[in-house]
Every structure is written in structure tokens, then in C-alpha cells.
């Protein structure tokens, strides 16, 4: 049984709405299909780590389902950085949010790449916030991207260091 407290439930809801740039909420309302039909076909705001340690896997799987449902032409993922003075920093300071580890966020990225089924999307993680810049097309380059992520998770590929993340 999921024993999520009202605070955790509210936090998860807030994170879903705010840190995924509203696209999950729009998906629930059926808006993404309309947006894609109008030619906006981009997801450029899925935020790795938005589920914290408590909801990491759930967030990754939901993000993959969103990419599949929207079937965008372009997908770009970012990595959450907690910035002092922000609402998420206050939640973290009071113990109501715990930022996922770098390895967990790479695991989220791997889950999204492995499970998302867009028709033919340009895929990028080249934003300065990301620990591992990737570039390819989904689903065409899925195996290569998953292989790179597996190598990174095994410590075989050097990740961007915190000071290099430009945040």
C-alpha cells in the first residue's frame, strides 16, 4: 500500500505540474495531441530528478509514456538542480524533498530512452544541466543511447562535473 503523506502527495503533484513544464498535466487533459496537431510537436521540458528519490522510477516511466503519447518531433530532457531560495530548495531544507542521486537521474534517463516510443523524434540531453550530453533519434538510436547510458552508469564514461554544468 502506498503510504504517501498529504505533503508528499502535494509535493508530487506540484512537481508534476511545475517541473515537467506542465506537459504531464496537459497530457491528462488531452492537450498534447492538439498541440502536436498544431505543429508544436516539441517536448523540451521533461526534468530528470523531478520525482526526487521517492518517485524517481514513477516519474521516469510517466515521462516515457508522455513522450509516447505526444509523439513529438523533438524531445529534450533537463536535469533538476536545486537552487537556493527556490520553493524546491525550501522543501529540500525541511526534508520534504530529497534530490535523486546522479546515478538515479541517469537511471531515469535510461528508462525514458528505453521505454519511450515516438515515431521519429530528435532526442537531446545537451542542456548544461545534464550530466551526460546525448544526441540521437528515437527510436532509431535507442540501442546506442541505452548502451551509452549503461556505460556511464558503470563508470566507463566520464560525466560532467558539477562546476561544468553551468548552473
N, C-alpha and C. Protein backbone atom coordinates (compact mmCIF):
# COMPACT_ATOMS: atom_id res chain seq x y z
N UNK A 1 0.84 -1.19 0.00
CA UNK A 1 0.00 0.00 0.00
C UNK A 1 0.88 1.24 0.00
N UNK A 2 0.55 2.19 -0.80
CA UNK A 2 1.31 3.43 -0.87
C UNK A 2 0.89 4.32 0.30
N UNK A 3 1.83 4.61 1.17
CA UNK A 3 1.53 5.40 2.35
C UNK A 3 2.05 6.82 2.17
N UNK A 4 1.69 7.45 1.08
CA UNK A 4 2.17 8.79 0.80
C UNK A 4 1.42 9.79 1.67
N UNK A 5 2.16 10.63 2.35
CA UNK A 5 1.55 11.65 3.20
C UNK A 5 0.92 12.73 2.33
N UNK A 6 0.00 13.51 2.91
CA UNK A 6 -0.57 14.63 2.14
C UNK A 6 0.51 15.58 1.63
N UNK A 7 1.56 15.79 2.44
CA UNK A 7 2.65 16.67 2.00
C UNK A 7 3.34 16.07 0.77
N UNK A 8 3.66 14.76 0.84
CA UNK A 8 4.31 14.11 -0.30
C UNK A 8 3.40 14.12 -1.50
N UNK A 9 2.13 13.86 -1.28
CA UNK A 9 1.18 13.86 -2.39
C UNK A 9 1.12 15.24 -3.04
N UNK A 10 1.05 16.27 -2.22
CA UNK A 10 1.02 17.63 -2.76
C UNK A 10 2.33 17.97 -3.46
N UNK A 11 3.45 17.53 -2.88
CA UNK A 11 4.74 17.78 -3.50
C UNK A 11 4.82 17.10 -4.85
N UNK A 12 4.41 15.84 -4.92
CA UNK A 12 4.45 15.12 -6.18
C UNK A 12 3.58 15.82 -7.21
N UNK A 13 2.40 16.25 -6.82
CA UNK A 13 1.51 16.96 -7.73
C UNK A 13 2.15 18.27 -8.18
N UNK A 14 2.75 19.00 -7.24
CA UNK A 14 3.39 20.26 -7.59
C UNK A 14 4.55 20.03 -8.54
N UNK A 15 5.37 19.01 -8.25
CA UNK A 15 6.50 18.72 -9.12
C UNK A 15 6.03 18.35 -10.51
N UNK A 16 4.99 17.54 -10.58
CA UNK A 16 4.48 17.13 -11.88
C UNK A 16 4.05 18.34 -12.69
N UNK A 17 3.34 19.26 -12.04
CA UNK A 17 2.85 20.44 -12.77
C UNK A 17 3.98 21.41 -13.11
N UNK A 18 4.85 21.68 -12.15
CA UNK A 18 5.83 22.74 -12.33
C UNK A 18 7.12 22.31 -12.99
N UNK A 19 7.67 21.19 -12.58
CA UNK A 19 8.99 20.81 -13.06
C UNK A 19 8.98 20.07 -14.37
N UNK A 20 7.84 19.61 -14.79
CA UNK A 20 7.75 18.97 -16.10
C UNK A 20 7.10 19.96 -17.06
N UNK A 21 7.17 21.22 -16.69
CA UNK A 21 6.68 22.33 -17.51
C UNK A 21 5.23 22.15 -17.94
N UNK A 22 4.45 21.51 -17.10
CA UNK A 22 3.04 21.38 -17.37
C UNK A 22 2.65 20.33 -18.37
N UNK A 23 3.61 19.65 -18.99
CA UNK A 23 3.24 18.74 -20.07
C UNK A 23 2.50 17.51 -19.57
N UNK A 24 2.79 17.05 -18.36
CA UNK A 24 2.05 15.90 -17.83
C UNK A 24 0.61 16.29 -17.59
N UNK A 25 0.40 17.45 -16.99
CA UNK A 25 -0.96 17.91 -16.74
C UNK A 25 -1.71 18.09 -18.06
N UNK A 26 -1.03 18.61 -19.05
CA UNK A 26 -1.66 18.76 -20.35
C UNK A 26 -2.01 17.41 -20.96
N UNK A 27 -1.14 16.42 -20.74
CA UNK A 27 -1.40 15.07 -21.27
C UNK A 27 -2.68 14.51 -20.68
N UNK A 28 -2.87 14.73 -19.39
CA UNK A 28 -4.07 14.24 -18.72
C UNK A 28 -5.31 14.89 -19.34
N UNK A 29 -5.19 16.13 -19.75
CA UNK A 29 -6.31 16.86 -20.33
C UNK A 29 -6.47 16.62 -21.83
N UNK A 30 -5.55 15.89 -22.43
CA UNK A 30 -5.64 15.62 -23.86
C UNK A 30 -5.11 16.74 -24.72
N UNK A 31 -4.45 17.71 -24.13
CA UNK A 31 -3.96 18.86 -24.89
C UNK A 31 -2.77 18.53 -25.77
N UNK A 32 -1.84 17.66 -25.38
CA UNK A 32 -0.66 17.44 -26.22
C UNK A 32 -0.98 17.01 -27.64
N UNK A 33 -1.97 16.14 -27.81
CA UNK A 33 -2.30 15.72 -29.16
C UNK A 33 -2.74 16.93 -30.00
N UNK A 34 -3.50 17.82 -29.39
CA UNK A 34 -3.90 19.03 -30.10
C UNK A 34 -2.69 19.90 -30.40
N UNK A 35 -1.77 20.01 -29.44
CA UNK A 35 -0.57 20.82 -29.65
C UNK A 35 0.27 20.25 -30.78
N UNK A 36 0.42 18.93 -30.79
CA UNK A 36 1.19 18.29 -31.86
C UNK A 36 0.49 18.53 -33.20
N UNK A 37 -0.82 18.41 -33.21
CA UNK A 37 -1.57 18.64 -34.45
C UNK A 37 -1.41 20.07 -34.95
N UNK A 38 -1.18 21.01 -34.04
CA UNK A 38 -0.99 22.40 -34.43
C UNK A 38 0.47 22.69 -34.78
N UNK A 39 1.31 21.67 -34.77
CA UNK A 39 2.68 21.84 -35.23
C UNK A 39 3.68 22.21 -34.15
N UNK A 40 3.31 22.14 -32.87
CA UNK A 40 4.27 22.49 -31.83
C UNK A 40 5.12 21.30 -31.45
N UNK A 41 4.85 20.11 -31.83
CA UNK A 41 5.49 18.83 -31.62
C UNK A 41 6.80 18.77 -30.87
N UNK A 42 6.97 19.54 -29.82
CA UNK A 42 8.20 19.52 -29.03
C UNK A 42 7.91 19.23 -27.58
N UNK A 43 8.76 18.42 -26.97
CA UNK A 43 8.80 18.30 -25.52
C UNK A 43 10.19 18.77 -25.15
N UNK A 44 10.26 19.94 -24.57
CA UNK A 44 11.57 20.46 -24.21
C UNK A 44 11.60 20.90 -22.76
N UNK A 45 11.00 20.08 -21.93
CA UNK A 45 10.99 20.44 -20.54
C UNK A 45 10.81 19.29 -19.58
N UNK A 46 11.03 18.05 -19.98
CA UNK A 46 10.98 16.96 -19.02
C UNK A 46 12.22 17.09 -18.14
N UNK A 47 12.01 17.08 -16.82
CA UNK A 47 13.10 17.33 -15.89
C UNK A 47 13.44 16.06 -15.12
N UNK A 48 14.63 15.54 -15.39
CA UNK A 48 15.11 14.37 -14.66
C UNK A 48 15.31 14.77 -13.20
N UNK A 49 14.90 13.92 -12.30
CA UNK A 49 15.05 14.19 -10.88
C UNK A 49 13.85 14.85 -10.25
N UNK A 50 12.83 15.20 -11.04
CA UNK A 50 11.67 15.93 -10.52
C UNK A 50 10.87 15.11 -9.52
N UNK A 51 10.99 13.79 -9.56
CA UNK A 51 10.28 12.96 -8.61
C UNK A 51 11.04 12.76 -7.31
N UNK A 52 12.24 13.31 -7.22
CA UNK A 52 13.05 13.09 -6.03
C UNK A 52 13.40 11.62 -5.89
N UNK A 53 13.93 11.26 -4.74
CA UNK A 53 14.27 9.86 -4.52
C UNK A 53 13.02 9.01 -4.39
N UNK A 54 11.96 9.58 -3.85
CA UNK A 54 10.74 8.83 -3.57
C UNK A 54 9.99 8.42 -4.83
N UNK A 55 10.02 9.23 -5.85
CA UNK A 55 9.21 8.99 -7.04
C UNK A 55 10.03 8.92 -8.32
N UNK A 56 11.29 8.58 -8.21
CA UNK A 56 12.18 8.59 -9.37
C UNK A 56 11.70 7.67 -10.48
N UNK A 57 11.46 6.43 -10.16
CA UNK A 57 11.04 5.45 -11.18
C UNK A 57 9.69 5.83 -11.77
N UNK A 58 8.76 6.22 -10.91
CA UNK A 58 7.42 6.61 -11.36
C UNK A 58 7.51 7.79 -12.33
N UNK A 59 8.33 8.77 -11.98
CA UNK A 59 8.49 9.96 -12.82
C UNK A 59 9.08 9.58 -14.19
N UNK A 60 10.09 8.71 -14.18
CA UNK A 60 10.73 8.29 -15.44
C UNK A 60 9.74 7.55 -16.33
N UNK A 61 8.99 6.64 -15.75
CA UNK A 61 8.02 5.87 -16.55
C UNK A 61 6.92 6.78 -17.08
N UNK A 62 6.45 7.72 -16.26
CA UNK A 62 5.42 8.66 -16.71
C UNK A 62 5.96 9.55 -17.83
N UNK A 63 7.22 9.95 -17.72
CA UNK A 63 7.83 10.77 -18.77
C UNK A 63 7.91 10.00 -20.08
N UNK A 64 8.27 8.72 -20.01
CA UNK A 64 8.33 7.88 -21.21
C UNK A 64 6.94 7.74 -21.83
N UNK A 65 5.92 7.54 -20.99
CA UNK A 65 4.54 7.44 -21.51
C UNK A 65 4.12 8.75 -22.17
N UNK A 66 4.53 9.86 -21.59
CA UNK A 66 4.20 11.16 -22.16
C UNK A 66 4.82 11.33 -23.55
N UNK A 67 6.10 10.97 -23.66
CA UNK A 67 6.78 11.07 -24.96
C UNK A 67 6.06 10.20 -25.98
N UNK A 68 5.68 9.01 -25.59
CA UNK A 68 4.97 8.11 -26.49
C UNK A 68 3.62 8.71 -26.88
N UNK A 69 2.86 9.21 -25.91
CA UNK A 69 1.52 9.75 -26.17
C UNK A 69 1.58 11.00 -27.04
N UNK A 70 2.55 11.85 -26.81
CA UNK A 70 2.64 13.08 -27.59
C UNK A 70 3.24 12.85 -28.97
N UNK A 71 4.07 11.83 -29.09
CA UNK A 71 4.75 11.52 -30.35
C UNK A 71 5.36 12.78 -30.96
N UNK A 72 6.24 13.46 -30.20
CA UNK A 72 6.81 14.73 -30.67
C UNK A 72 7.89 14.53 -31.73
N UNK A 73 8.21 15.62 -32.40
CA UNK A 73 9.31 15.62 -33.36
C UNK A 73 10.64 15.85 -32.65
N UNK A 74 10.59 16.46 -31.46
CA UNK A 74 11.79 16.83 -30.71
C UNK A 74 11.56 16.60 -29.23
N UNK A 75 12.53 15.96 -28.56
CA UNK A 75 12.47 15.71 -27.12
C UNK A 75 13.79 16.16 -26.51
N UNK A 76 13.71 17.02 -25.51
CA UNK A 76 14.90 17.46 -24.80
C UNK A 76 14.66 17.29 -23.31
N UNK A 77 15.60 16.67 -22.63
CA UNK A 77 15.49 16.47 -21.19
C UNK A 77 16.50 17.34 -20.47
N UNK A 78 16.11 17.80 -19.30
CA UNK A 78 16.94 18.62 -18.43
C UNK A 78 17.15 17.86 -17.13
N UNK A 79 18.09 18.28 -16.32
CA UNK A 79 18.31 17.67 -15.01
C UNK A 79 18.06 18.71 -13.94
N UNK A 80 17.25 18.32 -12.95
CA UNK A 80 16.90 19.22 -11.86
C UNK A 80 18.14 19.64 -11.08
N UNK A 81 18.24 20.92 -10.83
CA UNK A 81 19.25 21.48 -9.95
C UNK A 81 18.51 22.29 -8.90
N UNK A 82 18.77 22.00 -7.65
CA UNK A 82 18.11 22.74 -6.57
C UNK A 82 18.89 24.02 -6.34
N UNK A 83 18.21 25.14 -6.53
CA UNK A 83 18.84 26.46 -6.41
C UNK A 83 18.38 27.10 -5.10
N UNK A 84 19.32 27.58 -4.29
CA UNK A 84 18.94 28.19 -3.01
C UNK A 84 17.89 29.29 -3.18
N UNK A 85 16.96 29.31 -2.22
CA UNK A 85 15.93 30.34 -2.21
C UNK A 85 14.68 29.99 -3.01
N UNK A 86 14.70 28.87 -3.71
CA UNK A 86 13.54 28.47 -4.51
C UNK A 86 12.61 27.60 -3.67
N UNK A 87 11.36 27.45 -4.09
CA UNK A 87 10.44 26.59 -3.34
C UNK A 87 10.97 25.16 -3.17
N UNK A 88 11.58 24.61 -4.20
CA UNK A 88 12.09 23.24 -4.08
C UNK A 88 13.25 23.18 -3.08
N UNK A 89 14.05 24.24 -3.00
CA UNK A 89 15.14 24.29 -2.01
C UNK A 89 14.57 24.33 -0.60
N UNK A 90 13.49 25.06 -0.41
CA UNK A 90 12.86 25.10 0.91
C UNK A 90 12.29 23.73 1.28
N UNK A 91 11.71 23.04 0.31
CA UNK A 91 11.20 21.68 0.57
C UNK A 91 12.35 20.74 0.92
N UNK A 92 13.44 20.88 0.21
CA UNK A 92 14.61 20.04 0.49
C UNK A 92 15.16 20.34 1.89
N UNK A 93 15.23 21.61 2.25
CA UNK A 93 15.78 22.02 3.54
C UNK A 93 14.94 21.50 4.71
N UNK A 94 13.66 21.32 4.48
CA UNK A 94 12.78 20.84 5.56
C UNK A 94 12.56 19.33 5.48
N UNK A 95 13.28 18.67 4.58
CA UNK A 95 13.18 17.21 4.50
C UNK A 95 11.97 16.70 3.74
N UNK A 96 11.26 17.58 3.04
CA UNK A 96 10.07 17.15 2.30
C UNK A 96 10.38 16.81 0.85
N UNK A 97 11.63 16.98 0.44
CA UNK A 97 12.08 16.59 -0.88
C UNK A 97 13.54 16.18 -0.77
N UNK A 98 13.87 15.08 -1.41
CA UNK A 98 15.27 14.64 -1.45
C UNK A 98 15.66 14.48 -2.90
N UNK A 99 16.64 15.25 -3.33
CA UNK A 99 17.11 15.19 -4.71
C UNK A 99 17.69 13.82 -4.99
N UNK A 100 17.30 13.24 -6.09
CA UNK A 100 17.83 11.94 -6.50
C UNK A 100 19.33 12.07 -6.79
N UNK A 101 20.04 10.96 -6.60
CA UNK A 101 21.47 10.94 -6.89
C UNK A 101 21.71 11.06 -8.39
N UNK A 102 22.94 11.37 -8.75
CA UNK A 102 23.30 11.44 -10.17
C UNK A 102 23.00 10.10 -10.84
N UNK A 103 23.35 9.01 -10.17
CA UNK A 103 23.10 7.68 -10.74
C UNK A 103 21.61 7.44 -10.94
N UNK A 104 20.79 7.87 -9.99
CA UNK A 104 19.34 7.69 -10.12
C UNK A 104 18.80 8.51 -11.28
N UNK A 105 19.32 9.72 -11.46
CA UNK A 105 18.85 10.55 -12.57
C UNK A 105 19.30 9.97 -13.91
N UNK A 106 20.48 9.38 -13.96
CA UNK A 106 20.90 8.68 -15.18
C UNK A 106 20.00 7.46 -15.42
N UNK A 107 19.61 6.81 -14.34
CA UNK A 107 18.66 5.70 -14.46
C UNK A 107 17.32 6.16 -15.00
N UNK A 108 16.86 7.34 -14.56
CA UNK A 108 15.62 7.91 -15.11
C UNK A 108 15.77 8.14 -16.61
N UNK A 109 16.90 8.71 -16.98
CA UNK A 109 17.15 8.98 -18.40
C UNK A 109 17.14 7.68 -19.19
N UNK A 110 17.78 6.65 -18.65
CA UNK A 110 17.81 5.35 -19.32
C UNK A 110 16.39 4.81 -19.48
N UNK A 111 15.57 4.95 -18.45
CA UNK A 111 14.18 4.48 -18.51
C UNK A 111 13.40 5.20 -19.60
N UNK A 112 13.56 6.51 -19.67
CA UNK A 112 12.86 7.28 -20.70
C UNK A 112 13.29 6.81 -22.09
N UNK A 113 14.59 6.69 -22.30
CA UNK A 113 15.11 6.27 -23.61
C UNK A 113 14.63 4.86 -23.95
N UNK A 114 14.66 3.96 -22.98
CA UNK A 114 14.30 2.57 -23.23
C UNK A 114 12.81 2.37 -23.46
N UNK A 115 11.97 3.17 -22.81
CA UNK A 115 10.52 2.94 -22.87
C UNK A 115 9.75 3.85 -23.82
N UNK A 116 10.27 5.03 -24.11
CA UNK A 116 9.53 5.97 -24.97
C UNK A 116 9.45 5.42 -26.39
N UNK A 117 8.30 5.58 -27.00
CA UNK A 117 8.06 5.05 -28.35
C UNK A 117 7.55 6.12 -29.32
N UNK A 118 8.29 7.21 -29.50
CA UNK A 118 7.86 8.18 -30.52
C UNK A 118 8.08 7.60 -31.91
N UNK A 119 7.41 8.13 -32.89
CA UNK A 119 7.56 7.64 -34.26
C UNK A 119 8.96 7.92 -34.79
N UNK A 120 9.40 9.16 -34.67
CA UNK A 120 10.73 9.57 -35.16
C UNK A 120 11.06 10.92 -34.53
N UNK A 121 11.63 10.89 -33.33
CA UNK A 121 11.90 12.13 -32.61
C UNK A 121 13.40 12.40 -32.51
N UNK A 122 13.75 13.64 -32.70
CA UNK A 122 15.11 14.09 -32.39
C UNK A 122 15.19 14.11 -30.87
N UNK A 123 16.25 13.51 -30.32
CA UNK A 123 16.39 13.38 -28.87
C UNK A 123 17.68 14.05 -28.43
N UNK A 124 17.59 14.90 -27.40
CA UNK A 124 18.77 15.62 -26.92
C UNK A 124 18.79 15.70 -25.40
N UNK A 125 19.99 15.61 -24.84
CA UNK A 125 20.22 15.94 -23.44
C UNK A 125 21.46 16.85 -23.38
N UNK A 126 21.52 17.79 -24.29
CA UNK A 126 22.71 18.64 -24.39
C UNK A 126 22.63 19.93 -23.57
N UNK A 127 21.57 20.10 -22.80
CA UNK A 127 21.46 21.27 -21.93
C UNK A 127 22.56 21.22 -20.87
N UNK A 128 23.02 22.37 -20.44
CA UNK A 128 24.10 22.45 -19.46
C UNK A 128 23.76 21.75 -18.15
N UNK A 129 22.50 21.56 -17.84
CA UNK A 129 22.11 20.93 -16.58
C UNK A 129 22.38 19.42 -16.56
N UNK A 130 22.54 18.82 -17.72
CA UNK A 130 22.67 17.36 -17.80
C UNK A 130 24.10 16.88 -17.54
N UNK A 131 24.18 15.73 -16.88
CA UNK A 131 25.48 15.13 -16.58
C UNK A 131 26.07 14.41 -17.79
N UNK A 132 25.21 13.97 -18.70
CA UNK A 132 25.67 13.23 -19.87
C UNK A 132 24.96 13.76 -21.12
N UNK A 133 25.65 14.53 -21.94
CA UNK A 133 25.02 15.02 -23.16
C UNK A 133 24.88 13.89 -24.17
N UNK A 134 23.66 13.71 -24.64
CA UNK A 134 23.36 12.69 -25.65
C UNK A 134 22.65 13.33 -26.82
N UNK A 135 22.78 12.69 -27.96
CA UNK A 135 22.13 13.18 -29.16
C UNK A 135 21.79 11.98 -30.04
N UNK A 136 20.59 11.99 -30.57
CA UNK A 136 20.19 10.91 -31.46
C UNK A 136 18.75 11.06 -31.89
N UNK A 137 18.22 9.99 -32.43
CA UNK A 137 16.82 9.94 -32.82
C UNK A 137 16.20 8.71 -32.17
N UNK A 138 14.99 8.90 -31.69
CA UNK A 138 14.24 7.77 -31.14
C UNK A 138 13.12 7.42 -32.10
N UNK A 139 12.92 6.18 -32.39
CA UNK A 139 13.53 5.01 -31.78
C UNK A 139 14.81 4.53 -32.46
N UNK A 140 15.20 5.10 -33.59
CA UNK A 140 16.32 4.61 -34.38
C UNK A 140 17.59 4.37 -33.57
N UNK A 141 17.96 5.31 -32.69
CA UNK A 141 19.23 5.23 -31.97
C UNK A 141 19.08 4.71 -30.54
N UNK A 142 17.94 4.13 -30.23
CA UNK A 142 17.68 3.67 -28.86
C UNK A 142 18.80 2.76 -28.32
N UNK A 143 19.17 1.75 -29.06
CA UNK A 143 20.18 0.80 -28.56
C UNK A 143 21.50 1.49 -28.28
N UNK A 144 21.92 2.38 -29.15
CA UNK A 144 23.18 3.11 -28.94
C UNK A 144 23.08 4.00 -27.70
N UNK A 145 21.97 4.71 -27.55
CA UNK A 145 21.80 5.61 -26.40
C UNK A 145 21.74 4.82 -25.09
N UNK A 146 21.00 3.71 -25.09
CA UNK A 146 20.94 2.87 -23.89
C UNK A 146 22.33 2.33 -23.56
N UNK A 147 23.08 1.93 -24.58
CA UNK A 147 24.45 1.45 -24.37
C UNK A 147 25.33 2.51 -23.75
N UNK A 148 25.21 3.74 -24.22
CA UNK A 148 25.99 4.85 -23.64
C UNK A 148 25.60 5.08 -22.19
N UNK A 149 24.31 5.03 -21.91
CA UNK A 149 23.84 5.21 -20.54
C UNK A 149 24.32 4.08 -19.63
N UNK A 150 24.28 2.86 -20.13
CA UNK A 150 24.79 1.73 -19.35
C UNK A 150 26.28 1.90 -19.06
N UNK A 151 27.03 2.36 -20.05
CA UNK A 151 28.46 2.61 -19.85
C UNK A 151 28.69 3.71 -18.83
N UNK A 152 27.89 4.76 -18.89
CA UNK A 152 28.01 5.85 -17.92
C UNK A 152 27.67 5.36 -16.52
N UNK A 153 26.61 4.57 -16.40
CA UNK A 153 26.23 4.03 -15.10
C UNK A 153 27.29 3.08 -14.53
N UNK A 154 28.04 2.43 -15.42
CA UNK A 154 29.12 1.53 -14.99
C UNK A 154 30.42 2.28 -14.71
N UNK A 155 30.41 3.61 -14.89
CA UNK A 155 31.60 4.40 -14.64
C UNK A 155 32.60 4.42 -15.78
N UNK A 156 32.19 3.95 -16.95
CA UNK A 156 33.09 3.87 -18.10
C UNK A 156 33.11 5.14 -18.95
N UNK A 157 32.16 6.02 -18.71
CA UNK A 157 32.10 7.29 -19.43
C UNK A 157 32.11 8.40 -18.39
N UNK A 158 32.97 9.36 -18.60
CA UNK A 158 33.08 10.48 -17.67
C UNK A 158 31.86 11.39 -17.80
N UNK A 159 31.29 11.76 -16.67
CA UNK A 159 30.14 12.66 -16.63
C UNK A 159 30.61 14.10 -16.45
N UNK A 160 29.73 15.03 -16.79
CA UNK A 160 30.03 16.43 -16.49
C UNK A 160 30.13 16.59 -14.98
N UNK A 161 31.14 17.29 -14.56
CA UNK A 161 31.27 17.59 -13.14
C UNK A 161 30.35 18.76 -12.81
N UNK A 162 30.04 18.90 -11.54
CA UNK A 162 29.11 19.95 -11.12
C UNK A 162 29.51 21.33 -11.64
N UNK A 163 30.79 21.67 -11.56
CA UNK A 163 31.21 23.01 -11.98
C UNK A 163 31.06 23.20 -13.48
N UNK A 164 31.01 22.12 -14.22
CA UNK A 164 30.87 22.19 -15.69
C UNK A 164 29.42 22.30 -16.13
N UNK A 165 28.50 22.11 -15.20
CA UNK A 165 27.08 22.10 -15.57
C UNK A 165 26.55 23.51 -15.83
N UNK A 166 27.32 24.52 -15.59
CA UNK A 166 26.97 25.88 -16.00
C UNK A 166 25.74 26.44 -15.34
N UNK A 167 25.47 26.01 -14.12
CA UNK A 167 24.27 26.48 -13.45
C UNK A 167 24.60 27.26 -12.21
